[in-house]
Amino acid sequence: MMTVLKASDEVEQLVLRNTGLTDDLLLSLATVLKGSPSQVKMLNLNLNTIGPYGAHILLEVLRVKPHVKGLQYVKFIT
């Protein structure tokens, strides 16, 4: 996925629902996403373990990539 994001300009939606994404993994993803030629418009991170640090990472992605218009993140704690 990271390779595709680095090279492709055709990714418009990125669905990473319930993939075990953590703050550290999100940092790696954000680094690639910020440099990607793709115009990702929707990012689905539902059901992952993203904390306050990850929220700051997401804010930075949104600052650099303002065309991201849809961000889904819901975490259910049971």
C-alpha atoms as a PDB file:
ATOM      1  CA  MET A   1       0.000   0.000   0.000  1.00  0.00           C
ATOM      2  CA  MET A   2       2.802   2.434   0.858  1.00  0.00           C
ATOM      3  CA  THR A   3       4.424   1.771  -2.507  1.00  0.00           C
ATOM      4  CA  VAL A   4       1.185   2.509  -4.343  1.00  0.00           C
ATOM      5  CA  LEU A   5       0.659   5.729  -2.378  1.00  0.00           C
ATOM      6  CA  LYS A   6       4.194   6.893  -3.171  1.00  0.00           C
ATOM      7  CA  ALA A   7       3.844   6.321  -6.907  1.00  0.00           C
ATOM      8  CA  SER A   8       0.180   6.611  -7.859  1.00  0.00           C
ATOM      9  CA  ASP A   9      -1.845   9.746  -8.396  1.00  0.00           C
ATOM     10  CA  GLU A  10      -5.118   7.804  -8.608  1.00  0.00           C
ATOM     11  CA  VAL A  11      -5.875   6.891  -4.984  1.00  0.00           C
ATOM     12  CA  GLU A  12      -8.993   8.778  -3.877  1.00  0.00           C
ATOM     13  CA  GLN A  13     -10.155   6.647  -0.946  1.00  0.00           C
ATOM     14  CA  LEU A  14      -8.083   4.899   1.676  1.00  0.00           C
ATOM     15  CA  VAL A  15      -9.981   2.422   3.863  1.00  0.00           C
ATOM     16  CA  LEU A  16      -7.917   1.099   6.762  1.00  0.00           C
ATOM     17  CA  ARG A  17     -10.813   0.025   8.955  1.00  0.00           C
ATOM     18  CA  ASN A  18      -9.938  -2.320  11.831  1.00  0.00           C
ATOM     19  CA  THR A  19      -6.385  -2.929  10.610  1.00  0.00           C
ATOM     20  CA  GLY A  20      -4.550  -2.568  13.924  1.00  0.00           C
ATOM     21  CA  LEU A  21      -3.310   0.898  13.047  1.00  0.00           C
ATOM     22  CA  THR A  22      -1.521   2.566  15.980  1.00  0.00           C
ATOM     23  CA  ASP A  23       0.014   6.006  16.419  1.00  0.00           C
ATOM     24  CA  ASP A  24       3.435   4.729  15.302  1.00  0.00           C
ATOM     25  CA  LEU A  25       2.044   3.084  12.165  1.00  0.00           C
ATOM     26  CA  LEU A  26      -0.044   6.166  11.472  1.00  0.00           C
ATOM     27  CA  LEU A  27       3.136   8.265  11.565  1.00  0.00           C
ATOM     28  CA  SER A  28       4.641   6.108   8.798  1.00  0.00           C
ATOM     29  CA  LEU A  29       1.439   6.281   6.775  1.00  0.00           C
ATOM     30  CA  ALA A  30       1.177  10.051   7.244  1.00  0.00           C
ATOM     31  CA  THR A  31       4.736  10.577   6.021  1.00  0.00           C
ATOM     32  CA  VAL A  32       3.965   8.698   2.801  1.00  0.00           C
ATOM     33  CA  LEU A  33       0.518  10.248   2.421  1.00  0.00           C
ATOM     34  CA  LYS A  34       1.839  13.806   2.750  1.00  0.00           C
ATOM     35  CA  GLY A  35       4.318  13.177  -0.077  1.00  0.00           C
ATOM     36  CA  SER A  36       1.915  11.222  -2.259  1.00  0.00           C
ATOM     37  CA  PRO A  37       0.814  12.603  -5.620  1.00  0.00           C
ATOM     38  CA  SER A  38      -2.642  11.123  -4.955  1.00  0.00           C
ATOM     39  CA  GLN A  39      -5.514  13.392  -4.001  1.00  0.00           C
ATOM     40  CA  VAL A  40      -7.013  11.198  -1.265  1.00  0.00           C
ATOM     41  CA  LYS A  41     -10.451  12.590  -0.488  1.00  0.00           C
ATOM     42  CA  MET A  42     -11.682  10.016   2.026  1.00  0.00           C
ATOM     43  CA  LEU A  43      -9.747   8.357   4.823  1.00  0.00           C
ATOM     44  CA  ASN A  44     -11.448   5.647   6.916  1.00  0.00           C
ATOM     45  CA  LEU A  45      -9.580   4.717  10.100  1.00  0.00           C
ATOM     46  CA  ASN A  46     -12.517   3.255  12.034  1.00  0.00           C
ATOM     47  CA  LEU A  47     -11.870   0.728  14.808  1.00  0.00           C
ATOM     48  CA  ASN A  48      -8.129   1.337  15.163  1.00  0.00           C
ATOM     49  CA  THR A  49      -6.129   2.269  18.257  1.00  0.00           C
ATOM     50  CA  ILE A  50      -5.223   5.880  17.615  1.00  0.00           C
ATOM     51  CA  GLY A  51      -4.480   8.090  20.592  1.00  0.00           C
ATOM     52  CA  PRO A  52      -3.841  11.812  21.127  1.00  0.00           C
ATOM     53  CA  TYR A  53      -0.486  11.665  19.344  1.00  0.00           C
ATOM     54  CA  GLY A  54      -2.182  10.053  16.352  1.00  0.00           C
ATOM     55  CA  ALA A  55      -4.796  12.821  16.357  1.00  0.00           C
ATOM     56  CA  HIS A  56      -1.997  15.393  16.018  1.00  0.00           C
ATOM     57  CA  ILE A  57      -0.532  13.380  13.149  1.00  0.00           C
ATOM     58  CA  LEU A  58      -3.927  13.393  11.415  1.00  0.00           C
ATOM     59  CA  LEU A  59      -4.235  17.157  11.871  1.00  0.00           C
ATOM     60  CA  GLU A  60      -0.875  17.602  10.160  1.00  0.00           C
ATOM     61  CA  VAL A  61      -2.013  15.412   7.246  1.00  0.00           C
ATOM     62  CA  LEU A  62      -5.169  17.516   6.910  1.00  0.00           C
ATOM     63  CA  ARG A  63      -3.078  20.693   6.945  1.00  0.00           C
ATOM     64  CA  VAL A  64      -0.804  19.440   4.152  1.00  0.00           C
ATOM     65  CA  LYS A  65      -3.568  17.670   2.190  1.00  0.00           C
ATOM     66  CA  PRO A  66      -6.634  19.935   2.486  1.00  0.00           C
ATOM     67  CA  HIS A  67      -8.450  17.996  -0.249  1.00  0.00           C
ATOM     68  CA  VAL A  68      -9.143  15.241   2.333  1.00  0.00           C
ATOM     69  CA  LYS A  69     -12.802  16.024   2.920  1.00  0.00           C
ATOM     70  CA  GLY A  70     -13.908  12.840   4.649  1.00  0.00           C
ATOM     71  CA  LEU A  71     -12.279  11.377   7.722  1.00  0.00           C
ATOM     72  CA  GLN A  72     -13.921   8.513   9.561  1.00  0.00           C
ATOM     73  CA  TYR A  73     -12.659   7.405  12.931  1.00  0.00           C
ATOM     74  CA  VAL A  74     -14.761   5.675  15.548  1.00  0.00           C
ATOM     75  CA  LYS A  75     -13.280   3.599  18.328  1.00  0.00           C
ATOM     76  CA  PHE A  76     -15.559   1.394  20.368  1.00  0.00           C
ATOM     77  CA  ILE A  77     -14.339   0.490  23.830  1.00  0.00           C
ATOM     78  CA  THR A  78     -15.864  -2.669  25.251  1.00  0.00           C
END
